[in-house]
Amino acid sequence: MKEIPKPRWTAYDAMRFDVQMPEGVETITQDRAYTSPIWYTP
């Protein structure tokens, strides 16, 4: 399962300090969520 794409911390810094990001630098990351199976018996 993948999480919602979100800006990387470097994109936040570039916006805050008004810095131009170099060409080819990733500005979005997408985390993966993983959980262990939970066995539930009512």
PDB file of N, CA and C in Angstrom:
ATOM      1  N   MET A   1       0.846  -1.173   0.000  1.00  0.00           N
ATOM      2  CA  MET A   1       0.000   0.000   0.000  1.00  0.00           C
ATOM      3  C   MET A   1       0.894   1.239   0.000  1.00  0.00           C
ATOM      4  N   LYS A   2       0.567   2.188  -0.844  1.00  0.00           N
ATOM      5  CA  LYS A   2       1.360   3.409  -0.914  1.00  0.00           C
ATOM      6  C   LYS A   2       0.595   4.560  -0.284  1.00  0.00           C
ATOM      7  N   GLU A   3       1.338   5.440   0.334  1.00  0.00           N
ATOM      8  CA  GLU A   3       0.755   6.635   0.942  1.00  0.00           C
ATOM      9  C   GLU A   3       0.524   7.698  -0.133  1.00  0.00           C
ATOM     10  N   ILE A   4      -0.161   8.764   0.231  1.00  0.00           N
ATOM     11  CA  ILE A   4      -0.416   9.873  -0.679  1.00  0.00           C
ATOM     12  C   ILE A   4       0.913  10.584  -0.962  1.00  0.00           C
ATOM     13  N   PRO A   5       1.199  10.913  -2.231  1.00  0.00           N
ATOM     14  CA  PRO A   5       2.444  11.649  -2.524  1.00  0.00           C
ATOM     15  C   PRO A   5       2.475  12.989  -1.787  1.00  0.00           C
ATOM     16  N   LYS A   6       3.651  13.355  -1.303  1.00  0.00           N
ATOM     17  CA  LYS A   6       3.803  14.609  -0.564  1.00  0.00           C
ATOM     18  C   LYS A   6       5.151  15.233  -0.893  1.00  0.00           C
ATOM     19  N   PRO A   7       5.286  16.552  -0.690  1.00  0.00           N
ATOM     20  CA  PRO A   7       6.562  17.206  -0.980  1.00  0.00           C
ATOM     21  C   PRO A   7       7.675  16.726  -0.036  1.00  0.00           C
ATOM     22  N   ARG A   8       8.877  16.667  -0.572  1.00  0.00           N
ATOM     23  CA  ARG A   8      10.039  16.331   0.246  1.00  0.00           C
ATOM     24  C   ARG A   8      10.422  17.533   1.095  1.00  0.00           C
ATOM     25  N   TRP A   9      11.198  17.324   2.140  1.00  0.00           N
ATOM     26  CA  TRP A   9      11.588  18.433   3.009  1.00  0.00           C
ATOM     27  C   TRP A   9      12.434  19.442   2.261  1.00  0.00           C
ATOM     28  N   THR A  10      13.189  18.992   1.232  1.00  0.00           N
ATOM     29  CA  THR A  10      13.991  19.929   0.453  1.00  0.00           C
ATOM     30  C   THR A  10      13.101  20.878  -0.355  1.00  0.00           C
ATOM     31  N   ALA A  11      11.933  20.421  -0.785  1.00  0.00           N
ATOM     32  CA  ALA A  11      11.000  21.288  -1.512  1.00  0.00           C
ATOM     33  C   ALA A  11      10.443  22.362  -0.581  1.00  0.00           C
ATOM     34  N   TYR A  12      10.154  21.990   0.664  1.00  0.00           N
ATOM     35  CA  TYR A  12       9.691  22.986   1.640  1.00  0.00           C
ATOM     36  C   TYR A  12      10.767  24.044   1.894  1.00  0.00           C
ATOM     37  N   ASP A  13      12.027  23.602   2.041  1.00  0.00           N
ATOM     38  CA  ASP A  13      13.122  24.545   2.270  1.00  0.00           C
ATOM     39  C   ASP A  13      13.314  25.472   1.074  1.00  0.00           C
ATOM     40  N   ALA A  14      13.238  24.914  -0.135  1.00  0.00           N
ATOM     41  CA  ALA A  14      13.425  25.730  -1.335  1.00  0.00           C
ATOM     42  C   ALA A  14      12.336  26.791  -1.428  1.00  0.00           C
ATOM     43  N   MET A  15      11.109  26.430  -1.087  1.00  0.00           N
ATOM     44  CA  MET A  15      10.017  27.394  -1.137  1.00  0.00           C
ATOM     45  C   MET A  15      10.196  28.465  -0.050  1.00  0.00           C
ATOM     46  N   ARG A  16      10.578  28.049   1.141  1.00  0.00           N
ATOM     47  CA  ARG A  16      10.713  28.983   2.254  1.00  0.00           C
ATOM     48  C   ARG A  16      11.839  30.001   2.039  1.00  0.00           C
ATOM     49  N   PHE A  17      12.976  29.516   1.520  1.00  0.00           N
ATOM     50  CA  PHE A  17      14.137  30.380   1.344  1.00  0.00           C
ATOM     51  C   PHE A  17      14.250  30.940  -0.073  1.00  0.00           C
ATOM     52  N   ASP A  18      13.219  30.697  -0.898  1.00  0.00           N
ATOM     53  CA  ASP A  18      13.161  31.207  -2.267  1.00  0.00           C
ATOM     54  C   ASP A  18      14.409  30.809  -3.059  1.00  0.00           C
ATOM     55  N   VAL A  19      14.674  29.495  -3.075  1.00  0.00           N
ATOM     56  CA  VAL A  19      15.831  28.942  -3.775  1.00  0.00           C
ATOM     57  C   VAL A  19      15.325  28.108  -4.950  1.00  0.00           C
ATOM     58  N   GLN A  20      15.996  28.227  -6.082  1.00  0.00           N
ATOM     59  CA  GLN A  20      15.630  27.434  -7.253  1.00  0.00           C
ATOM     60  C   GLN A  20      16.251  26.045  -7.138  1.00  0.00           C
ATOM     61  N   MET A  21      15.432  25.009  -7.264  1.00  0.00           N
ATOM     62  CA  MET A  21      15.934  23.631  -7.197  1.00  0.00           C
ATOM     63  C   MET A  21      16.631  23.277  -8.511  1.00  0.00           C
ATOM     64  N   PRO A  22      17.771  22.568  -8.449  1.00  0.00           N
ATOM     65  CA  PRO A  22      18.459  22.150  -9.679  1.00  0.00           C
ATOM     66  C   PRO A  22      17.594  21.189 -10.505  1.00  0.00           C
ATOM     67  N   GLU A  23      17.864  21.136 -11.781  1.00  0.00           N
ATOM     68  CA  GLU A  23      17.134  20.249 -12.692  1.00  0.00           C
ATOM     69  C   GLU A  23      17.383  18.789 -12.304  1.00  0.00           C
ATOM     70  N   GLY A  24      16.335  18.003 -12.278  1.00  0.00           N
ATOM     71  CA  GLY A  24      16.462  16.578 -11.982  1.00  0.00           C
ATOM     72  C   GLY A  24      16.344  16.215 -10.511  1.00  0.00           C
ATOM     73  N   VAL A  25      16.154  17.183  -9.633  1.00  0.00           N
ATOM     74  CA  VAL A  25      16.019  16.909  -8.206  1.00  0.00           C
ATOM     75  C   VAL A  25      14.569  16.530  -7.906  1.00  0.00           C
ATOM     76  N   GLU A  26      14.384  15.412  -7.234  1.00  0.00           N
ATOM     77  CA  GLU A  26      13.041  14.967  -6.860  1.00  0.00           C
ATOM     78  C   GLU A  26      12.451  15.917  -5.829  1.00  0.00           C
ATOM     79  N   THR A  27      11.209  16.345  -6.039  1.00  0.00           N
ATOM     80  CA  THR A  27      10.560  17.236  -5.082  1.00  0.00           C
ATOM     81  C   THR A  27       9.364  16.570  -4.412  1.00  0.00           C
ATOM     82  N   ILE A  28       9.012  15.377  -4.863  1.00  0.00           N
ATOM     83  CA  ILE A  28       7.870  14.662  -4.283  1.00  0.00           C
ATOM     84  C   ILE A  28       8.323  13.264  -3.874  1.00  0.00           C
ATOM     85  N   THR A  29       7.837  12.807  -2.737  1.00  0.00           N
ATOM     86  CA  THR A  29       8.132  11.462  -2.261  1.00  0.00           C
ATOM     87  C   THR A  29       6.825  10.738  -1.978  1.00  0.00           C
ATOM     88  N   GLN A  30       6.873   9.425  -2.056  1.00  0.00           N
ATOM     89  CA  GLN A  30       5.691   8.616  -1.773  1.00  0.00           C
ATOM     90  C   GLN A  30       6.128   7.457  -0.877  1.00  0.00           C
ATOM     91  N   ASP A  31       5.710   7.518   0.379  1.00  0.00           N
ATOM     92  CA  ASP A  31       6.081   6.489   1.345  1.00  0.00           C
ATOM     93  C   ASP A  31       5.239   5.238   1.134  1.00  0.00           C
ATOM     94  N   ARG A  32       5.733   4.163   1.673  1.00  0.00           N
ATOM     95  CA  ARG A  32       4.986   2.901   1.642  1.00  0.00           C
ATOM     96  C   ARG A  32       4.573   2.553   3.072  1.00  0.00           C
ATOM     97  N   ALA A  33       3.367   2.053   3.181  1.00  0.00           N
ATOM     98  CA  ALA A  33       2.864   1.650   4.494  1.00  0.00           C
ATOM     99  C   ALA A  33       2.806   0.126   4.533  1.00  0.00           C
ATOM    100  N   TYR A  34       3.257  -0.428   5.634  1.00  0.00           N
ATOM    101  CA  TYR A  34       3.233  -1.875   5.789  1.00  0.00           C
ATOM    102  C   TYR A  34       2.870  -2.212   7.226  1.00  0.00           C
ATOM    103  N   THR A  35       1.973  -3.128   7.376  1.00  0.00           N
ATOM    104  CA  THR A  35       1.620  -3.597   8.715  1.00  0.00           C
ATOM    105  C   THR A  35       1.650  -5.110   8.728  1.00  0.00           C
ATOM    106  N   SER A  36       1.782  -5.660   9.896  1.00  0.00           N
ATOM    107  CA  SER A  36       1.733  -7.107  10.044  1.00  0.00           C
ATOM    108  C   SER A  36       0.286  -7.560  10.010  1.00  0.00           C
ATOM    109  N   PRO A  37       0.048  -8.768   9.535  1.00  0.00           N
ATOM    110  CA  PRO A  37      -1.316  -9.274   9.540  1.00  0.00           C
ATOM    111  C   PRO A  37      -1.823  -9.429  10.999  1.00  0.00           C
ATOM    112  N   ILE A  38      -3.032  -9.050  11.213  1.00  0.00           N
ATOM    113  CA  ILE A  38      -3.623  -9.156  12.545  1.00  0.00           C
ATOM    114  C   ILE A  38      -4.720 -10.219  12.474  1.00  0.00           C
ATOM    115  N   TRP A  39      -4.575 -11.234  13.258  1.00  0.00           N
ATOM    116  CA  TRP A  39      -5.568 -12.306  13.269  1.00  0.00           C
ATOM    117  C   TRP A  39      -6.546 -12.022  14.392  1.00  0.00           C
ATOM    118  N   TYR A  40      -7.793 -11.858  14.038  1.00  0.00           N
ATOM    119  CA  TYR A  40      -8.831 -11.504  15.004  1.00  0.00           C
ATOM    120  C   TYR A  40      -9.909 -12.574  15.017  1.00  0.00           C
ATOM    121  N   THR A  41     -10.180 -13.086  16.176  1.00  0.00           N
ATOM    122  CA  THR A  41     -11.244 -14.057  16.334  1.00  0.00           C
ATOM    123  C   THR A  41     -12.225 -13.494  17.361  1.00  0.00           C
ATOM    124  N   PRO A  42     -13.455 -13.227  16.944  1.00  0.00           N
ATOM    125  CA  PRO A  42     -14.411 -12.640  17.906  1.00  0.00           C
ATOM    126  C   PRO A  42     -14.810 -13.598  19.009  1.00  0.00           C
TER     127      PRO A  42
END
